[in-house]
Amino acid sequence: MKMTPCTFLLATAVMVLTTGTLHAAKKTPNSPSPANVVDVSSGQIDYNLNPTFNSVLLSQGVVISFHGSTEAVPANSPKGTRGFRVYGGEVDTNSGEGEFQSVGDLQLTNGTMTVILRHMTLDTTGAVPVITAEVLVNGSITGRVPVFTLVVDDLFSTPPAGTTFSTPTVAMAVSDSFVTLFNSIFNAKVMFLGLGAGTASVTATIGTIG
């Protein structure tokens, strides 16, 4: 099949994105026991984007917007905080590590080019805590990749209290996958690894053991 320039660009982005490596500080993940893992039934992930991050996007004519989010966040949240509804996932009740799956998406638009980061999942189970997203470029799915890394310490993943799980607000930084995505799709050189993207926090309702 003959590849058009747009098809070649998407194929190149997929190849690079799916082979990217992360350079965030690593933690030592625990080995969860199936007996300690419970389901996440509901909750919310709150995001607040860094003005510097927005400025870098705007410098390339890229506008970022939230879709499927809500402003129904705690009263003490910083201005501009948006909440994505959590609908599923799992948490290890011993370590507090888990995955939190949410609805909604972030859209990056510049003229006729639209990149959608959807079905975002906050995942603290690996050596590098990340936020992953399914990436669509002008409607074509390129795969699920880590778009942000989380700057966390041992206090971030703590055992939940009963059926309520919550985390402190932590900083997000762009991953190398996001750098490749942005610079290749928007033909730019301004995005760089480790740029502060904003903050994230989780509040969720989980099941109980037994």
C-alpha atoms as a PDB file:
ATOM      1  CA  MET A   1       0.000   0.000   0.000  1.00  0.00           C
ATOM      2  CA  LYS A   2       1.380   3.394  -1.002  1.00  0.00           C
ATOM      3  CA  MET A   3       1.968   5.619   2.020  1.00  0.00           C
ATOM      4  CA  THR A   4       0.824   9.222   1.890  1.00  0.00           C
ATOM      5  CA  PRO A   5       2.924  11.846   3.770  1.00  0.00           C
ATOM      6  CA  CYS A   6       0.301  11.910   6.548  1.00  0.00           C
ATOM      7  CA  THR A   7       0.311   8.110   6.830  1.00  0.00           C
ATOM      8  CA  PHE A   8       4.108   8.064   6.968  1.00  0.00           C
ATOM      9  CA  LEU A   9       4.098  10.707   9.723  1.00  0.00           C
ATOM     10  CA  LEU A  10       1.648   8.686  11.815  1.00  0.00           C
ATOM     11  CA  ALA A  11       3.572   5.459  11.291  1.00  0.00           C
ATOM     12  CA  THR A  12       6.825   7.150  12.289  1.00  0.00           C
ATOM     13  CA  ALA A  13       5.231   8.619  15.400  1.00  0.00           C
ATOM     14  CA  VAL A  14       3.845   5.227  16.415  1.00  0.00           C
ATOM     15  CA  MET A  15       7.230   3.554  16.004  1.00  0.00           C
ATOM     16  CA  VAL A  16       9.076   6.170  18.059  1.00  0.00           C
ATOM     17  CA  LEU A  17       6.382   6.588  20.701  1.00  0.00           C
ATOM     18  CA  THR A  18       6.080   2.908  21.468  1.00  0.00           C
ATOM     19  CA  THR A  19       9.826   2.469  21.872  1.00  0.00           C
ATOM     20  CA  GLY A  20      10.447   5.556  24.022  1.00  0.00           C
ATOM     21  CA  THR A  21      12.106   5.293  27.411  1.00  0.00           C
ATOM     22  CA  LEU A  22      11.409   7.245  30.569  1.00  0.00           C
ATOM     23  CA  HIS A  23      14.030   9.150  32.488  1.00  0.00           C
ATOM     24  CA  ALA A  24      12.119  10.042  35.640  1.00  0.00           C
ATOM     25  CA  ALA A  25      13.396   9.075  39.061  1.00  0.00           C
ATOM     26  CA  LYS A  26      12.541   5.438  39.710  1.00  0.00           C
ATOM     27  CA  LYS A  27      11.061   3.864  42.796  1.00  0.00           C
ATOM     28  CA  THR A  28      11.199   0.250  43.885  1.00  0.00           C
ATOM     29  CA  PRO A  29       7.781  -1.288  43.181  1.00  0.00           C
ATOM     30  CA  ASN A  30       6.292  -3.738  45.645  1.00  0.00           C
ATOM     31  CA  SER A  31       5.179  -7.214  44.647  1.00  0.00           C
ATOM     32  CA  PRO A  32       1.415  -7.171  45.200  1.00  0.00           C
ATOM     33  CA  SER A  33      -0.363 -10.219  46.533  1.00  0.00           C
ATOM     34  CA  PRO A  34      -3.636 -11.017  44.704  1.00  0.00           C
ATOM     35  CA  ALA A  35      -5.286 -11.315  48.129  1.00  0.00           C
ATOM     36  CA  ASN A  36      -4.487  -7.645  48.829  1.00  0.00           C
ATOM     37  CA  VAL A  37      -5.743  -6.199  45.534  1.00  0.00           C
ATOM     38  CA  VAL A  38      -9.199  -4.586  45.460  1.00  0.00           C
ATOM     39  CA  ASP A  39     -11.205  -2.917  42.703  1.00  0.00           C
ATOM     40  CA  VAL A  40     -11.658   0.820  42.286  1.00  0.00           C
ATOM     41  CA  SER A  41     -15.356   1.587  41.864  1.00  0.00           C
ATOM     42  CA  SER A  42     -15.428   5.369  41.479  1.00  0.00           C
ATOM     43  CA  GLY A  43     -13.513   8.554  42.146  1.00  0.00           C
ATOM     44  CA  GLN A  44     -11.809  11.468  40.489  1.00  0.00           C
ATOM     45  CA  ILE A  45      -8.388  12.473  39.188  1.00  0.00           C
ATOM     46  CA  ASP A  46      -7.776  16.211  39.487  1.00  0.00           C
ATOM     47  CA  TYR A  47      -5.379  17.920  37.075  1.00  0.00           C
ATOM     48  CA  ASN A  48      -4.010  21.441  37.113  1.00  0.00           C
ATOM     49  CA  LEU A  49      -1.828  22.431  34.164  1.00  0.00           C
ATOM     50  CA  ASN A  50       1.307  24.509  34.633  1.00  0.00           C
ATOM     51  CA  PRO A  51       1.186  27.996  32.999  1.00  0.00           C
ATOM     52  CA  THR A  52       4.701  27.416  31.640  1.00  0.00           C
ATOM     53  CA  PHE A  53       3.522  24.201  29.983  1.00  0.00           C
ATOM     54  CA  ASN A  54       0.609  26.095  28.412  1.00  0.00           C
ATOM     55  CA  SER A  55       3.004  28.810  27.219  1.00  0.00           C
ATOM     56  CA  VAL A  56       5.207  26.256  25.460  1.00  0.00           C
ATOM     57  CA  LEU A  57       2.155  24.874  23.672  1.00  0.00           C
ATOM     58  CA  LEU A  58       0.905  28.332  22.693  1.00  0.00           C
ATOM     59  CA  SER A  59       4.350  29.277  21.357  1.00  0.00           C
ATOM     60  CA  GLN A  60       3.678  26.733  18.613  1.00  0.00           C
ATOM     61  CA  GLY A  61       0.077  27.802  18.115  1.00  0.00           C
ATOM     62  CA  VAL A  62      -1.201  24.716  19.963  1.00  0.00           C
ATOM     63  CA  VAL A  63      -4.252  25.116  22.185  1.00  0.00           C
ATOM     64  CA  ILE A  64      -4.907  22.483  24.862  1.00  0.00           C
ATOM     65  CA  SER A  65      -8.389  21.880  26.234  1.00  0.00           C
ATOM     66  CA  PHE A  66     -10.166  19.513  28.627  1.00  0.00           C
ATOM     67  CA  HIS A  67     -13.133  17.463  27.430  1.00  0.00           C
ATOM     68  CA  GLY A  68     -15.411  15.347  29.603  1.00  0.00           C
ATOM     69  CA  SER A  69     -14.066  16.943  32.786  1.00  0.00           C
ATOM     70  CA  THR A  70     -15.766  18.872  35.558  1.00  0.00           C
ATOM     71  CA  GLU A  71     -14.996  21.792  37.839  1.00  0.00           C
ATOM     72  CA  ALA A  72     -16.660  19.982  40.768  1.00  0.00           C
ATOM     73  CA  VAL A  73     -13.428  19.721  42.735  1.00  0.00           C
ATOM     74  CA  PRO A  74     -12.646  20.554  46.381  1.00  0.00           C
ATOM     75  CA  ALA A  75     -13.035  24.229  47.249  1.00  0.00           C
ATOM     76  CA  ASN A  76      -9.349  24.536  48.164  1.00  0.00           C
ATOM     77  CA  SER A  77      -8.143  23.341  44.736  1.00  0.00           C
ATOM     78  CA  PRO A  78      -6.092  25.848  42.711  1.00  0.00           C
ATOM     79  CA  LYS A  79      -7.919  27.843  40.043  1.00  0.00           C
ATOM     80  CA  GLY A  80      -8.134  25.945  36.771  1.00  0.00           C
ATOM     81  CA  THR A  81      -8.194  22.489  38.340  1.00  0.00           C
ATOM     82  CA  ARG A  82     -10.256  20.014  36.306  1.00  0.00           C
ATOM     83  CA  GLY A  83     -11.560  16.661  37.469  1.00  0.00           C
ATOM     84  CA  PHE A  84     -11.813  13.472  35.390  1.00  0.00           C
ATOM     85  CA  ARG A  85     -14.222  10.814  36.645  1.00  0.00           C
ATOM     86  CA  VAL A  86     -12.589   7.539  37.690  1.00  0.00           C
ATOM     87  CA  TYR A  87     -14.594   4.489  36.644  1.00  0.00           C
ATOM     88  CA  GLY A  88     -12.264   1.569  37.391  1.00  0.00           C
ATOM     89  CA  GLY A  89      -8.866   0.216  38.337  1.00  0.00           C
ATOM     90  CA  GLU A  90      -7.194  -1.685  41.157  1.00  0.00           C
ATOM     91  CA  VAL A  91      -5.337  -0.840  44.378  1.00  0.00           C
ATOM     92  CA  ASP A  92      -3.008  -2.933  46.536  1.00  0.00           C
ATOM     93  CA  THR A  93      -4.249  -2.309  50.071  1.00  0.00           C
ATOM     94  CA  ASN A  94      -0.815  -3.095  51.532  1.00  0.00           C
ATOM     95  CA  SER A  95       1.294  -0.731  49.438  1.00  0.00           C
ATOM     96  CA  GLY A  96      -1.272   1.768  48.163  1.00  0.00           C
ATOM     97  CA  GLU A  97       0.010   1.299  44.607  1.00  0.00           C
ATOM     98  CA  GLY A  98      -2.572   1.008  41.887  1.00  0.00           C
ATOM     99  CA  GLU A  99      -4.140   1.952  38.578  1.00  0.00           C
ATOM    100  CA  PHE A 100      -6.943   4.511  38.238  1.00  0.00           C
ATOM    101  CA  GLN A 101      -8.800   4.587  34.919  1.00  0.00           C
ATOM    102  CA  SER A 102     -10.682   7.741  33.973  1.00  0.00           C
ATOM    103  CA  VAL A 103     -12.976   9.118  31.295  1.00  0.00           C
ATOM    104  CA  GLY A 104     -12.465  12.376  29.433  1.00  0.00           C
ATOM    105  CA  ASP A 105      -9.546  13.598  27.379  1.00  0.00           C
ATOM    106  CA  LEU A 106      -7.059  16.348  26.664  1.00  0.00           C
ATOM    107  CA  GLN A 107      -7.061  17.794  23.155  1.00  0.00           C
ATOM    108  CA  LEU A 108      -4.154  19.597  21.488  1.00  0.00           C
ATOM    109  CA  THR A 109      -5.202  21.550  18.407  1.00  0.00           C
ATOM    110  CA  ASN A 110      -3.308  23.576  15.830  1.00  0.00           C
ATOM    111  CA  GLY A 111      -5.213  24.408  12.667  1.00  0.00           C
ATOM    112  CA  THR A 112      -6.257  21.156  11.016  1.00  0.00           C
ATOM    113  CA  MET A 113      -4.144  18.988  13.342  1.00  0.00           C
ATOM    114  CA  THR A 114      -5.814  17.564  16.461  1.00  0.00           C
ATOM    115  CA  VAL A 115      -4.158  15.232  18.948  1.00  0.00           C
ATOM    116  CA  ILE A 116      -6.435  13.636  21.544  1.00  0.00           C
ATOM    117  CA  LEU A 117      -5.121  12.057  24.752  1.00  0.00           C
ATOM    118  CA  ARG A 118      -8.055   9.944  25.946  1.00  0.00           C
ATOM    119  CA  HIS A 119      -8.901   7.233  28.488  1.00  0.00           C
ATOM    120  CA  MET A 120      -6.131   8.503  30.754  1.00  0.00           C
ATOM    121  CA  THR A 121      -4.868   6.108  33.445  1.00  0.00           C
ATOM    122  CA  LEU A 122      -2.820   7.102  36.491  1.00  0.00           C
ATOM    123  CA  ASP A 123      -0.531   4.148  37.221  1.00  0.00           C
ATOM    124  CA  THR A 124       1.767   3.942  40.262  1.00  0.00           C
ATOM    125  CA  THR A 125       2.525   0.216  40.040  1.00  0.00           C
ATOM    126  CA  GLY A 126       5.739   0.439  38.023  1.00  0.00           C
ATOM    127  CA  ALA A 127       9.232   1.667  38.756  1.00  0.00           C
ATOM    128  CA  VAL A 128       8.272   4.989  37.134  1.00  0.00           C
ATOM    129  CA  PRO A 129       4.790   6.250  38.123  1.00  0.00           C
ATOM    130  CA  VAL A 130       3.085   7.535  34.984  1.00  0.00           C
ATOM    131  CA  ILE A 131      -0.101   8.813  33.424  1.00  0.00           C
ATOM    132  CA  THR A 132      -0.800   6.963  30.217  1.00  0.00           C
ATOM    133  CA  ALA A 133      -3.265   7.832  27.478  1.00  0.00           C
ATOM    134  CA  GLU A 134      -4.604   6.434  24.250  1.00  0.00           C
ATOM    135  CA  VAL A 135      -3.388   8.797  21.531  1.00  0.00           C
ATOM    136  CA  LEU A 136      -5.411   9.751  18.460  1.00  0.00           C
ATOM    137  CA  VAL A 137      -3.953  11.914  15.699  1.00  0.00           C
ATOM    138  CA  ASN A 138      -6.663  13.394  13.479  1.00  0.00           C
ATOM    139  CA  GLY A 139      -8.903  10.479  14.436  1.00  0.00           C
ATOM    140  CA  SER A 140      -6.332   7.708  13.881  1.00  0.00           C
ATOM    141  CA  ILE A 141      -5.328   5.665  16.949  1.00  0.00           C
ATOM    142  CA  THR A 142      -1.554   5.463  17.403  1.00  0.00           C
ATOM    143  CA  GLY A 143      -1.557   3.429  20.636  1.00  0.00           C
ATOM    144  CA  ARG A 144      -1.356   3.894  24.401  1.00  0.00           C
ATOM    145  CA  VAL A 145       1.765   5.624  25.704  1.00  0.00           C
ATOM    146  CA  PRO A 146       2.977   7.301  28.901  1.00  0.00           C
ATOM    147  CA  VAL A 147       2.456  11.041  28.422  1.00  0.00           C
ATOM    148  CA  PHE A 148       3.354  12.325  31.898  1.00  0.00           C
ATOM    149  CA  THR A 149       5.605  11.058  34.659  1.00  0.00           C
ATOM    150  CA  LEU A 150       4.760  11.679  38.308  1.00  0.00           C
ATOM    151  CA  VAL A 151       7.287  13.213  40.687  1.00  0.00           C
ATOM    152  CA  VAL A 152       6.430  11.175  43.763  1.00  0.00           C
ATOM    153  CA  ASP A 153       8.008   9.905  46.970  1.00  0.00           C
ATOM    154  CA  ASP A 154       7.177   7.061  49.307  1.00  0.00           C
ATOM    155  CA  LEU A 155       4.350   9.086  50.877  1.00  0.00           C
ATOM    156  CA  PHE A 156       2.379   9.100  47.621  1.00  0.00           C
ATOM    157  CA  SER A 157       1.466   5.411  47.701  1.00  0.00           C
ATOM    158  CA  THR A 158       0.201   4.683  51.193  1.00  0.00           C
ATOM    159  CA  PRO A 159      -2.265   2.008  52.350  1.00  0.00           C
ATOM    160  CA  PRO A 160      -5.850   3.249  51.997  1.00  0.00           C
ATOM    161  CA  ALA A 161      -8.089   3.896  54.995  1.00  0.00           C
ATOM    162  CA  GLY A 162     -11.136   1.640  54.706  1.00  0.00           C
ATOM    163  CA  THR A 163     -12.936   2.187  51.406  1.00  0.00           C
ATOM    164  CA  THR A 164     -11.456   5.631  50.747  1.00  0.00           C
ATOM    165  CA  PHE A 165      -8.210   6.134  48.863  1.00  0.00           C
ATOM    166  CA  SER A 166      -6.616   9.516  48.329  1.00  0.00           C
ATOM    167  CA  THR A 167      -3.208  10.860  47.372  1.00  0.00           C
ATOM    168  CA  PRO A 168      -1.435  14.144  47.962  1.00  0.00           C
ATOM    169  CA  THR A 169      -1.113  16.519  45.025  1.00  0.00           C
ATOM    170  CA  VAL A 170       2.084  15.738  43.108  1.00  0.00           C
ATOM    171  CA  ALA A 171       3.898  17.293  40.180  1.00  0.00           C
ATOM    172  CA  MET A 172       3.647  15.982  36.623  1.00  0.00           C
ATOM    173  CA  ALA A 173       6.412  16.243  34.034  1.00  0.00           C
ATOM    174  CA  VAL A 174       6.267  15.494  30.322  1.00  0.00           C
ATOM    175  CA  SER A 175       7.650  12.092  29.356  1.00  0.00           C
ATOM    176  CA  ASP A 176       9.999  11.395  26.469  1.00  0.00           C
ATOM    177  CA  SER A 177       7.021   9.875  24.662  1.00  0.00           C
ATOM    178  CA  PHE A 178       5.137  13.170  24.917  1.00  0.00           C
ATOM    179  CA  VAL A 179       8.217  15.068  23.736  1.00  0.00           C
ATOM    180  CA  THR A 180       8.422  12.837  20.656  1.00  0.00           C
ATOM    181  CA  LEU A 181       4.680  13.092  20.084  1.00  0.00           C
ATOM    182  CA  PHE A 182       4.563  16.881  20.277  1.00  0.00           C
ATOM    183  CA  ASN A 183       7.756  17.701  18.393  1.00  0.00           C
ATOM    184  CA  SER A 184       7.092  15.241  15.553  1.00  0.00           C
ATOM    185  CA  ILE A 185       3.379  15.867  15.046  1.00  0.00           C
ATOM    186  CA  PHE A 186       3.577  19.654  15.353  1.00  0.00           C
ATOM    187  CA  ASN A 187       6.995  19.917  13.672  1.00  0.00           C
ATOM    188  CA  ALA A 188       8.474  21.670  16.684  1.00  0.00           C
ATOM    189  CA  LYS A 189      11.608  21.594  18.832  1.00  0.00           C
ATOM    190  CA  VAL A 190      10.371  23.405  21.929  1.00  0.00           C
ATOM    191  CA  MET A 191       9.087  20.489  24.021  1.00  0.00           C
ATOM    192  CA  PHE A 192      11.726  18.918  26.267  1.00  0.00           C
ATOM    193  CA  LEU A 193      11.940  16.013  28.698  1.00  0.00           C
ATOM    194  CA  GLY A 194      11.097  16.858  32.296  1.00  0.00           C
ATOM    195  CA  LEU A 195       9.208  20.077  31.564  1.00  0.00           C
ATOM    196  CA  GLY A 196       6.733  20.644  34.385  1.00  0.00           C
ATOM    197  CA  ALA A 197       3.216  19.972  33.089  1.00  0.00           C
ATOM    198  CA  GLY A 198       1.243  20.649  36.258  1.00  0.00           C
ATOM    199  CA  THR A 199      -0.106  18.568  39.145  1.00  0.00           C
ATOM    200  CA  ALA A 200      -2.342  15.552  39.703  1.00  0.00           C
ATOM    201  CA  SER A 201      -4.115  13.928  42.642  1.00  0.00           C
ATOM    202  CA  VAL A 202      -6.545  11.039  43.129  1.00  0.00           C
ATOM    203  CA  THR A 203      -9.545  10.432  45.357  1.00  0.00           C
ATOM    204  CA  ALA A 204     -11.291   7.083  44.949  1.00  0.00           C
ATOM    205  CA  THR A 205     -13.724   4.635  46.483  1.00  0.00           C
ATOM    206  CA  ILE A 206     -12.379   1.099  46.629  1.00  0.00           C
ATOM    207  CA  GLY A 207     -13.535  -2.344  47.696  1.00  0.00           C
ATOM    208  CA  THR A 208     -12.579  -4.201  50.853  1.00  0.00           C
ATOM    209  CA  ILE A 209     -10.721  -7.458  51.466  1.00  0.00           C
ATOM    210  CA  GLY A 210     -12.918 -10.447  52.245  1.00  0.00           C
END
